[in-house]
Amino acid sequence: MHTMWKGSIQFGLVSIPIKMHAATEDKDVSFRSLHAKCHSPIKYEKVCPVCGEEVDKEELVKGYETTAGQFIIMEEEELKSIRSQSQDRAVEILDFINIDEIDPIYFNRSYYLGPNEGGTKAYALLRQALNDTRKAGIAKILIRSKEQLAVIRVFENTLLMETLHFPDEIRAAADVPNVPSEENIVKKELDTAKMLIEQLSEEFQPAKYEDEYRKKLLDLIEAKKNGEEVTSPEGPPKKDNVTDLMEALQASVDRNKKKTTKKTTKKRKTAPKTKVTS
């Protein structure tokens, strides 16, 4: 697993040397833009719209736009100075909290933390302490010139760091337009909705879900690669023309009852026969 960052976890006077690894990977299918005439990849060049000249990397400077077309130029040395004040390559744990207190909207990206040389014992100690207290550590870290708030917890016997959005990065839910404050809910509709939720409730099993669009896309690419004839897939089944809310809820409940009945019948048919011994 590729090491993307080296540093240490610090809490109190304890320092644990660690290596950081990406815990997730982007599996989106990406495409290159080609020239339709000759299928050559298109280049994207940096060109000044005023001078009309192609600009080399060495000729670029960073600017912060204050108003439209007005910029404050930031020198690289000035930015390096600010980074050096924060970049001591340490994940500093500030507080310990209950992980359930963090709303999922704050979570950003996940990283595995593994012990670096000489850090095995202290790593195992922190892991056990977090497990026993059922706590998580709130920390700060500088990643790619951006200070990040993060939470450190135990995941499958490994320390996991999840970066968090700062509070001022979360947009106010109150700004979402047309959200009803109160609505007169009919009891029968509510009871039916609850029944439907109960019917569809299961334990979370991540393995049962897959990216169907990506799978179809890769199947299509493989078929074209092998020179197979490609046919258009059938469209999704037409939805019932149900407009009334109560009617839609009841139809959903009835449909899921049939599915549940089929599953139960199938299980009974395939259940192994018990051997009777005298």
C-alpha atoms as a PDB file:
ATOM      1  CA  MET A   1       0.000   0.000   0.000  1.00  0.00           C
ATOM      2  CA  HIS A   2       1.470   3.348  -1.072  1.00  0.00           C
ATOM      3  CA  THR A   3       2.637   5.672   1.732  1.00  0.00           C
ATOM      4  CA  MET A   4       1.349   9.169   1.042  1.00  0.00           C
ATOM      5  CA  TRP A   5       2.491  10.920   4.235  1.00  0.00           C
ATOM      6  CA  LYS A   6       4.863  10.311   7.136  1.00  0.00           C
ATOM      7  CA  GLY A   7       4.736  11.996  10.525  1.00  0.00           C
ATOM      8  CA  SER A   8       3.538  11.281  14.029  1.00  0.00           C
ATOM      9  CA  ILE A   9       0.444  11.213  16.229  1.00  0.00           C
ATOM     10  CA  GLN A  10       0.862  13.327  19.336  1.00  0.00           C
ATOM     11  CA  PHE A  11      -1.379  13.253  22.390  1.00  0.00           C
ATOM     12  CA  GLY A  12      -0.109  14.658  25.640  1.00  0.00           C
ATOM     13  CA  LEU A  13       3.640  13.965  25.687  1.00  0.00           C
ATOM     14  CA  VAL A  14       3.269  10.721  23.716  1.00  0.00           C
ATOM     15  CA  SER A  15       4.515  10.688  20.114  1.00  0.00           C
ATOM     16  CA  ILE A  16       3.751   7.798  17.743  1.00  0.00           C
ATOM     17  CA  PRO A  17       5.614   7.704  14.395  1.00  0.00           C
ATOM     18  CA  ILE A  18       3.147   6.759  11.651  1.00  0.00           C
ATOM     19  CA  LYS A  19       2.689   6.312   7.912  1.00  0.00           C
ATOM     20  CA  MET A  20      -0.552   7.392   6.230  1.00  0.00           C
ATOM     21  CA  HIS A  21      -2.226   5.460   3.407  1.00  0.00           C
ATOM     22  CA  ALA A  22      -5.383   6.222   1.435  1.00  0.00           C
ATOM     23  CA  ALA A  23      -8.209   4.027   2.766  1.00  0.00           C
ATOM     24  CA  THR A  24     -10.433   4.418  -0.291  1.00  0.00           C
ATOM     25  CA  GLU A  25      -9.889   4.564  -4.041  1.00  0.00           C
ATOM     26  CA  ASP A  26     -11.799   6.233  -6.836  1.00  0.00           C
ATOM     27  CA  LYS A  27     -13.042   3.594  -9.270  1.00  0.00           C
ATOM     28  CA  ASP A  28     -14.818   5.938 -11.682  1.00  0.00           C
ATOM     29  CA  VAL A  29     -14.313   4.988 -15.322  1.00  0.00           C
ATOM     30  CA  SER A  30     -12.505   7.908 -16.950  1.00  0.00           C
ATOM     31  CA  PHE A  31     -12.262   8.806 -20.623  1.00  0.00           C
ATOM     32  CA  ARG A  32      -9.745  10.848 -22.625  1.00  0.00           C
ATOM     33  CA  SER A  33     -10.948  13.483 -25.088  1.00  0.00           C
ATOM     34  CA  LEU A  34      -9.820  12.516 -28.589  1.00  0.00           C
ATOM     35  CA  HIS A  35      -9.873  14.283 -31.939  1.00  0.00           C
ATOM     36  CA  ALA A  36     -12.785  12.632 -33.794  1.00  0.00           C
ATOM     37  CA  LYS A  37     -10.844  12.835 -37.088  1.00  0.00           C
ATOM     38  CA  CYS A  38      -7.708  10.887 -36.073  1.00  0.00           C
ATOM     39  CA  HIS A  39      -8.447   9.712 -32.487  1.00  0.00           C
ATOM     40  CA  SER A  40      -5.407  11.531 -31.064  1.00  0.00           C
ATOM     41  CA  PRO A  41      -5.561  12.691 -27.409  1.00  0.00           C
ATOM     42  CA  ILE A  42      -6.213  16.424 -27.125  1.00  0.00           C
ATOM     43  CA  LYS A  43      -3.656  18.587 -25.291  1.00  0.00           C
ATOM     44  CA  TYR A  44      -4.751  21.339 -22.918  1.00  0.00           C
ATOM     45  CA  GLU A  45      -2.335  24.254 -22.933  1.00  0.00           C
ATOM     46  CA  LYS A  46      -2.162  27.294 -20.641  1.00  0.00           C
ATOM     47  CA  VAL A  47      -2.677  30.354 -22.823  1.00  0.00           C
ATOM     48  CA  CYS A  48      -2.966  33.975 -21.683  1.00  0.00           C
ATOM     49  CA  PRO A  49      -6.273  35.353 -23.055  1.00  0.00           C
ATOM     50  CA  VAL A  50      -4.806  38.902 -23.254  1.00  0.00           C
ATOM     51  CA  CYS A  51      -1.334  38.236 -24.731  1.00  0.00           C
ATOM     52  CA  GLY A  52      -2.374  35.150 -26.667  1.00  0.00           C
ATOM     53  CA  GLU A  53       0.894  33.516 -25.577  1.00  0.00           C
ATOM     54  CA  GLU A  54       1.379  30.015 -24.196  1.00  0.00           C
ATOM     55  CA  VAL A  55       2.514  30.350 -20.558  1.00  0.00           C
ATOM     56  CA  ASP A  56       5.167  28.075 -19.039  1.00  0.00           C
ATOM     57  CA  LYS A  57       4.938  26.809 -15.457  1.00  0.00           C
ATOM     58  CA  GLU A  58       7.823  29.095 -14.421  1.00  0.00           C
ATOM     59  CA  GLU A  59       5.829  32.154 -15.533  1.00  0.00           C
ATOM     60  CA  LEU A  60       2.839  31.450 -13.294  1.00  0.00           C
ATOM     61  CA  VAL A  61       2.159  33.262 -10.008  1.00  0.00           C
ATOM     62  CA  LYS A  62      -0.660  32.792  -7.474  1.00  0.00           C
ATOM     63  CA  GLY A  63      -3.308  35.460  -7.120  1.00  0.00           C
ATOM     64  CA  TYR A  64      -6.304  35.833  -4.798  1.00  0.00           C
ATOM     65  CA  GLU A  65      -9.298  37.432  -6.535  1.00  0.00           C
ATOM     66  CA  THR A  66     -10.842  40.141  -4.322  1.00  0.00           C
ATOM     67  CA  THR A  67     -13.339  41.510  -6.833  1.00  0.00           C
ATOM     68  CA  ALA A  68     -13.967  40.605 -10.462  1.00  0.00           C
ATOM     69  CA  GLY A  69     -10.658  40.993 -12.293  1.00  0.00           C
ATOM     70  CA  GLN A  70      -8.790  42.365  -9.238  1.00  0.00           C
ATOM     71  CA  PHE A  71      -6.093  40.164  -7.691  1.00  0.00           C
ATOM     72  CA  ILE A  72      -3.707  40.203  -4.747  1.00  0.00           C
ATOM     73  CA  ILE A  73      -0.456  38.541  -5.805  1.00  0.00           C
ATOM     74  CA  MET A  74       0.926  36.024  -3.307  1.00  0.00           C
ATOM     75  CA  GLU A  75       4.641  35.277  -3.445  1.00  0.00           C
ATOM     76  CA  GLU A  76       5.727  31.635  -3.078  1.00  0.00           C
ATOM     77  CA  GLU A  77       8.075  32.539  -0.219  1.00  0.00           C
ATOM     78  CA  GLU A  78       5.191  34.107   1.715  1.00  0.00           C
ATOM     79  CA  LEU A  79       3.104  30.940   1.308  1.00  0.00           C
ATOM     80  CA  LYS A  80       6.045  28.731   2.313  1.00  0.00           C
ATOM     81  CA  SER A  81       6.525  30.796   5.477  1.00  0.00           C
ATOM     82  CA  ILE A  82       2.914  30.254   6.556  1.00  0.00           C
ATOM     83  CA  ARG A  83       3.089  26.538   5.721  1.00  0.00           C
ATOM     84  CA  SER A  84       6.287  26.051   7.709  1.00  0.00           C
ATOM     85  CA  GLN A  85       4.629  27.487  10.837  1.00  0.00           C
ATOM     86  CA  SER A  86       1.948  24.748  10.741  1.00  0.00           C
ATOM     87  CA  GLN A  87       3.723  21.896   8.961  1.00  0.00           C
ATOM     88  CA  ASP A  88       5.570  20.063  11.742  1.00  0.00           C
ATOM     89  CA  ARG A  89       4.418  16.733  10.269  1.00  0.00           C
ATOM     90  CA  ALA A  90       2.369  15.878  13.364  1.00  0.00           C
ATOM     91  CA  VAL A  91      -1.223  14.815  13.878  1.00  0.00           C
ATOM     92  CA  GLU A  92      -1.990  16.560  17.149  1.00  0.00           C
ATOM     93  CA  ILE A  93      -4.906  15.080  19.082  1.00  0.00           C
ATOM     94  CA  LEU A  94      -6.726  17.979  20.745  1.00  0.00           C
ATOM     95  CA  ASP A  95      -9.652  16.201  22.436  1.00  0.00           C
ATOM     96  CA  PHE A  96     -11.279  12.800  22.833  1.00  0.00           C
ATOM     97  CA  ILE A  97     -14.983  12.472  22.033  1.00  0.00           C
ATOM     98  CA  ASN A  98     -17.741   9.918  21.392  1.00  0.00           C
ATOM     99  CA  ILE A  99     -17.780   9.187  17.644  1.00  0.00           C
ATOM    100  CA  ASP A 100     -21.615   9.170  17.651  1.00  0.00           C
ATOM    101  CA  GLU A 101     -21.544  12.878  18.459  1.00  0.00           C
ATOM    102  CA  ILE A 102     -20.233  13.687  14.944  1.00  0.00           C
ATOM    103  CA  ASP A 103     -22.943  14.046  12.316  1.00  0.00           C
ATOM    104  CA  PRO A 104     -21.983  12.225   9.055  1.00  0.00           C
ATOM    105  CA  ILE A 105     -22.199  15.513   7.115  1.00  0.00           C
ATOM    106  CA  TYR A 106     -18.808  16.454   8.612  1.00  0.00           C
ATOM    107  CA  PHE A 107     -16.921  13.411   7.253  1.00  0.00           C
ATOM    108  CA  ASN A 108     -14.711  13.988   4.225  1.00  0.00           C
ATOM    109  CA  ARG A 109     -11.958  11.418   3.377  1.00  0.00           C
ATOM    110  CA  SER A 110     -10.568   8.316   5.083  1.00  0.00           C
ATOM    111  CA  TYR A 111      -6.920   7.335   5.634  1.00  0.00           C
ATOM    112  CA  TYR A 112      -5.331   4.303   7.281  1.00  0.00           C
ATOM    113  CA  LEU A 113      -2.595   5.050   9.794  1.00  0.00           C
ATOM    114  CA  GLY A 114       0.122   2.425  10.248  1.00  0.00           C
ATOM    115  CA  PRO A 115       3.070   2.526  12.685  1.00  0.00           C
ATOM    116  CA  ASN A 116       6.417   3.720  11.384  1.00  0.00           C
ATOM    117  CA  GLU A 117       9.746   2.420  12.724  1.00  0.00           C
ATOM    118  CA  GLY A 118       9.814   2.373  16.506  1.00  0.00           C
ATOM    119  CA  GLY A 119       6.138   3.171  16.879  1.00  0.00           C
ATOM    120  CA  THR A 120       4.575  -0.285  17.162  1.00  0.00           C
ATOM    121  CA  LYS A 121       4.163  -0.374  20.954  1.00  0.00           C
ATOM    122  CA  ALA A 122       2.783   3.167  21.304  1.00  0.00           C
ATOM    123  CA  TYR A 123       0.479   2.515  18.303  1.00  0.00           C
ATOM    124  CA  ALA A 124      -0.929  -0.635  19.929  1.00  0.00           C
ATOM    125  CA  LEU A 125      -1.345   1.230  23.225  1.00  0.00           C
ATOM    126  CA  LEU A 126      -3.408   4.037  21.658  1.00  0.00           C
ATOM    127  CA  ARG A 127      -5.484   1.513  19.700  1.00  0.00           C
ATOM    128  CA  GLN A 128      -6.312  -0.476  22.849  1.00  0.00           C
ATOM    129  CA  ALA A 129      -7.067   2.664  24.856  1.00  0.00           C
ATOM    130  CA  LEU A 130      -9.476   3.932  22.173  1.00  0.00           C
ATOM    131  CA  ASN A 131     -11.154   0.519  22.008  1.00  0.00           C
ATOM    132  CA  ASP A 132     -11.551   0.210  25.774  1.00  0.00           C
ATOM    133  CA  THR A 133     -12.881   3.747  26.268  1.00  0.00           C
ATOM    134  CA  ARG A 134     -14.950   3.668  23.053  1.00  0.00           C
ATOM    135  CA  LYS A 135     -13.587   7.112  22.255  1.00  0.00           C
ATOM    136  CA  ALA A 136     -12.151   8.828  19.169  1.00  0.00           C
ATOM    137  CA  GLY A 137      -9.527  11.554  18.987  1.00  0.00           C
ATOM    138  CA  ILE A 138     -10.151  14.961  17.397  1.00  0.00           C
ATOM    139  CA  ALA A 139      -6.958  16.166  15.723  1.00  0.00           C
ATOM    140  CA  LYS A 140      -5.514  18.687  13.286  1.00  0.00           C
ATOM    141  CA  ILE A 141      -3.193  17.921  10.367  1.00  0.00           C
ATOM    142  CA  LEU A 142      -1.801  19.855   7.391  1.00  0.00           C
ATOM    143  CA  ILE A 143      -2.330  17.981   4.105  1.00  0.00           C
ATOM    144  CA  ARG A 144      -1.367  19.522   0.753  1.00  0.00           C
ATOM    145  CA  SER A 145      -1.185  23.070   2.144  1.00  0.00           C
ATOM    146  CA  LYS A 146      -4.623  22.802   3.757  1.00  0.00           C
ATOM    147  CA  GLU A 147      -5.172  22.459   7.477  1.00  0.00           C
ATOM    148  CA  GLN A 148      -7.635  19.663   8.145  1.00  0.00           C
ATOM    149  CA  LEU A 149      -9.735  18.783  11.135  1.00  0.00           C
ATOM    150  CA  ALA A 150      -9.738  15.012  11.611  1.00  0.00           C
ATOM    151  CA  VAL A 151     -11.023  12.215  13.831  1.00  0.00           C
ATOM    152  CA  ILE A 152      -8.877   9.182  14.717  1.00  0.00           C
ATOM    153  CA  ARG A 153     -10.668   5.941  15.577  1.00  0.00           C
ATOM    154  CA  VAL A 154     -10.177   2.187  15.397  1.00  0.00           C
ATOM    155  CA  PHE A 155     -11.399   0.309  12.325  1.00  0.00           C
ATOM    156  CA  GLU A 156     -10.781  -3.445  12.038  1.00  0.00           C
ATOM    157  CA  ASN A 157      -7.739  -3.357  14.350  1.00  0.00           C
ATOM    158  CA  THR A 158      -6.199  -0.420  12.457  1.00  0.00           C
ATOM    159  CA  LEU A 159      -6.140   3.275  13.329  1.00  0.00           C
ATOM    160  CA  LEU A 160      -8.250   5.183  10.834  1.00  0.00           C
ATOM    161  CA  MET A 161      -8.114   8.932  10.334  1.00  0.00           C
ATOM    162  CA  GLU A 162     -11.096  10.636   8.740  1.00  0.00           C
ATOM    163  CA  THR A 163     -10.762  14.261   7.758  1.00  0.00           C
ATOM    164  CA  LEU A 164     -13.673  16.483   8.730  1.00  0.00           C
ATOM    165  CA  HIS A 165     -15.141  19.632   7.281  1.00  0.00           C
ATOM    166  CA  PHE A 166     -14.784  22.669   9.514  1.00  0.00           C
ATOM    167  CA  PRO A 167     -18.141  24.062  10.739  1.00  0.00           C
ATOM    168  CA  ASP A 168     -17.898  27.110   8.442  1.00  0.00           C
ATOM    169  CA  GLU A 169     -17.584  24.736   5.446  1.00  0.00           C
ATOM    170  CA  ILE A 170     -21.029  23.245   6.117  1.00  0.00           C
ATOM    171  CA  ARG A 171     -23.791  25.170   4.418  1.00  0.00           C
ATOM    172  CA  ALA A 172     -26.821  26.019   6.540  1.00  0.00           C
ATOM    173  CA  ALA A 173     -29.696  23.566   6.074  1.00  0.00           C
ATOM    174  CA  ALA A 174     -32.046  26.496   6.733  1.00  0.00           C
ATOM    175  CA  ASP A 175     -30.959  27.987   3.374  1.00  0.00           C
ATOM    176  CA  VAL A 176     -32.424  25.069   1.407  1.00  0.00           C
ATOM    177  CA  PRO A 177     -35.453  26.480  -0.473  1.00  0.00           C
ATOM    178  CA  ASN A 178     -39.018  25.182  -0.195  1.00  0.00           C
ATOM    179  CA  VAL A 179     -38.457  22.910   2.826  1.00  0.00           C
ATOM    180  CA  PRO A 180     -41.802  22.651   4.686  1.00  0.00           C
ATOM    181  CA  SER A 181     -41.614  23.669   8.343  1.00  0.00           C
ATOM    182  CA  GLU A 182     -44.733  21.739   9.302  1.00  0.00           C
ATOM    183  CA  GLU A 183     -47.188  19.667   7.349  1.00  0.00           C
ATOM    184  CA  ASN A 184     -50.491  18.079   8.303  1.00  0.00           C
ATOM    185  CA  ILE A 185     -49.621  14.395   8.019  1.00  0.00           C
ATOM    186  CA  VAL A 186     -52.541  11.978   7.731  1.00  0.00           C
ATOM    187  CA  LYS A 187     -52.122   9.214  10.338  1.00  0.00           C
ATOM    188  CA  LYS A 188     -52.982   6.447   7.862  1.00  0.00           C
ATOM    189  CA  GLU A 189     -50.308   7.694   5.442  1.00  0.00           C
ATOM    190  CA  LEU A 190     -47.749   7.874   8.251  1.00  0.00           C
ATOM    191  CA  ASP A 191     -48.574   4.357   9.492  1.00  0.00           C
ATOM    192  CA  THR A 192     -48.294   2.973   5.950  1.00  0.00           C
ATOM    193  CA  ALA A 193     -44.970   4.764   5.400  1.00  0.00           C
ATOM    194  CA  LYS A 194     -43.642   3.283   8.654  1.00  0.00           C
ATOM    195  CA  MET A 195     -44.827  -0.176   7.562  1.00  0.00           C
ATOM    196  CA  LEU A 196     -42.965   0.210   4.268  1.00  0.00           C
ATOM    197  CA  ILE A 197     -39.807   1.276   6.128  1.00  0.00           C
ATOM    198  CA  GLU A 198     -40.084  -1.798   8.368  1.00  0.00           C
ATOM    199  CA  GLN A 199     -40.478  -4.053   5.327  1.00  0.00           C
ATOM    200  CA  LEU A 200     -37.349  -2.602   3.712  1.00  0.00           C
ATOM    201  CA  SER A 201     -35.258  -2.570   6.902  1.00  0.00           C
ATOM    202  CA  GLU A 202     -32.206  -4.872   7.033  1.00  0.00           C
ATOM    203  CA  GLU A 203     -28.796  -4.949   8.646  1.00  0.00           C
ATOM    204  CA  PHE A 204     -26.248  -2.924   6.680  1.00  0.00           C
ATOM    205  CA  GLN A 205     -24.231  -5.303   4.492  1.00  0.00           C
ATOM    206  CA  PRO A 206     -21.955  -3.202   2.222  1.00  0.00           C
ATOM    207  CA  ALA A 207     -21.073  -6.188   0.013  1.00  0.00           C
ATOM    208  CA  LYS A 208     -24.652  -6.452  -1.301  1.00  0.00           C
ATOM    209  CA  TYR A 209     -24.429  -3.066  -3.013  1.00  0.00           C
ATOM    210  CA  GLU A 210     -22.461  -2.407  -6.196  1.00  0.00           C
ATOM    211  CA  ASP A 211     -21.986   0.322  -8.766  1.00  0.00           C
ATOM    212  CA  GLU A 212     -24.270  -1.064 -11.491  1.00  0.00           C
ATOM    213  CA  TYR A 213     -23.562   1.805 -13.893  1.00  0.00           C
ATOM    214  CA  ARG A 214     -19.787   1.251 -13.705  1.00  0.00           C
ATOM    215  CA  LYS A 215     -20.274  -2.517 -14.181  1.00  0.00           C
ATOM    216  CA  LYS A 216     -22.369  -1.976 -17.325  1.00  0.00           C
ATOM    217  CA  LEU A 217     -19.850   0.551 -18.626  1.00  0.00           C
ATOM    218  CA  LEU A 218     -16.910  -1.848 -18.129  1.00  0.00           C
ATOM    219  CA  ASP A 219     -18.904  -4.698 -19.751  1.00  0.00           C
ATOM    220  CA  LEU A 220     -19.545  -2.470 -22.765  1.00  0.00           C
ATOM    221  CA  ILE A 221     -15.853  -1.493 -22.995  1.00  0.00           C
ATOM    222  CA  GLU A 222     -14.806  -5.169 -22.766  1.00  0.00           C
ATOM    223  CA  ALA A 223     -17.313  -6.155 -25.471  1.00  0.00           C
ATOM    224  CA  LYS A 224     -16.059  -3.437 -27.829  1.00  0.00           C
ATOM    225  CA  LYS A 225     -12.456  -4.413 -27.037  1.00  0.00           C
ATOM    226  CA  ASN A 226     -13.204  -8.023 -28.054  1.00  0.00           C
ATOM    227  CA  GLY A 227     -15.019  -6.917 -31.217  1.00  0.00           C
ATOM    228  CA  GLU A 228     -18.362  -8.295 -30.040  1.00  0.00           C
ATOM    229  CA  GLU A 229     -21.663  -7.019 -31.363  1.00  0.00           C
ATOM    230  CA  VAL A 230     -23.045  -4.409 -28.979  1.00  0.00           C
ATOM    231  CA  THR A 231     -26.790  -4.187 -28.454  1.00  0.00           C
ATOM    232  CA  SER A 232     -28.647  -1.475 -26.604  1.00  0.00           C
ATOM    233  CA  PRO A 233     -29.828  -2.626 -23.164  1.00  0.00           C
ATOM    234  CA  GLU A 234     -33.507  -2.657 -22.375  1.00  0.00           C
ATOM    235  CA  GLY A 235     -34.780   0.443 -20.643  1.00  0.00           C
ATOM    236  CA  PRO A 236     -35.880   0.397 -16.999  1.00  0.00           C
ATOM    237  CA  PRO A 237     -39.353  -1.015 -16.302  1.00  0.00           C
ATOM    238  CA  LYS A 238     -42.134   1.519 -16.606  1.00  0.00           C
ATOM    239  CA  LYS A 239     -43.376   2.868 -13.325  1.00  0.00           C
ATOM    240  CA  ASP A 240     -47.006   2.436 -12.398  1.00  0.00           C
ATOM    241  CA  ASN A 241     -49.040   5.541 -13.079  1.00  0.00           C
ATOM    242  CA  VAL A 242     -49.708   6.234  -9.413  1.00  0.00           C
ATOM    243  CA  THR A 243     -50.181   9.874  -8.431  1.00  0.00           C
ATOM    244  CA  ASP A 244     -51.987   9.680  -5.085  1.00  0.00           C
ATOM    245  CA  LEU A 245     -49.585   9.516  -2.094  1.00  0.00           C
ATOM    246  CA  MET A 246     -51.635   6.992  -0.123  1.00  0.00           C
ATOM    247  CA  GLU A 247     -52.144   4.862  -3.218  1.00  0.00           C
ATOM    248  CA  ALA A 248     -48.398   4.912  -3.922  1.00  0.00           C
ATOM    249  CA  LEU A 249     -47.566   3.911  -0.341  1.00  0.00           C
ATOM    250  CA  GLN A 250     -50.065   1.063  -0.320  1.00  0.00           C
ATOM    251  CA  ALA A 251     -48.890  -0.195  -3.720  1.00  0.00           C
ATOM    252  CA  SER A 252     -45.304  -0.196  -2.429  1.00  0.00           C
ATOM    253  CA  VAL A 253     -46.283  -2.143   0.698  1.00  0.00           C
ATOM    254  CA  ASP A 254     -48.223  -4.702  -1.379  1.00  0.00           C
ATOM    255  CA  ARG A 255     -45.347  -5.134  -3.820  1.00  0.00           C
ATOM    256  CA  ASN A 256     -42.846  -5.740  -1.027  1.00  0.00           C
ATOM    257  CA  LYS A 257     -45.227  -8.211   0.640  1.00  0.00           C
ATOM    258  CA  LYS A 258     -45.116 -10.284  -2.568  1.00  0.00           C
ATOM    259  CA  LYS A 259     -41.301 -10.140  -2.605  1.00  0.00           C
ATOM    260  CA  THR A 260     -41.125 -11.229   1.032  1.00  0.00           C
ATOM    261  CA  THR A 261     -43.554 -14.087   0.380  1.00  0.00           C
ATOM    262  CA  LYS A 262     -41.470 -15.288  -2.597  1.00  0.00           C
ATOM    263  CA  LYS A 263     -38.275 -15.208  -0.519  1.00  0.00           C
ATOM    264  CA  THR A 264     -39.904 -17.157   2.313  1.00  0.00           C
ATOM    265  CA  THR A 265     -41.328 -19.770  -0.100  1.00  0.00           C
ATOM    266  CA  LYS A 266     -37.952 -20.153  -1.790  1.00  0.00           C
ATOM    267  CA  LYS A 267     -36.210 -20.651   1.552  1.00  0.00           C
ATOM    268  CA  ARG A 268     -38.725 -23.348   2.543  1.00  0.00           C
ATOM    269  CA  LYS A 269     -38.211 -25.178  -0.749  1.00  0.00           C
ATOM    270  CA  THR A 270     -34.448 -25.125  -0.493  1.00  0.00           C
ATOM    271  CA  ALA A 271     -34.270 -25.888   3.223  1.00  0.00           C
ATOM    272  CA  PRO A 272     -32.390 -29.169   3.857  1.00  0.00           C
ATOM    273  CA  LYS A 273     -34.443 -32.131   4.990  1.00  0.00           C
ATOM    274  CA  THR A 274     -33.834 -33.232   8.538  1.00  0.00           C
ATOM    275  CA  LYS A 275     -32.912 -36.858   9.008  1.00  0.00           C
ATOM    276  CA  VAL A 276     -35.101 -38.683  11.502  1.00  0.00           C
ATOM    277  CA  THR A 277     -33.275 -41.273  13.551  1.00  0.00           C
ATOM    278  CA  SER A 278     -34.917 -43.761  15.864  1.00  0.00           C
END
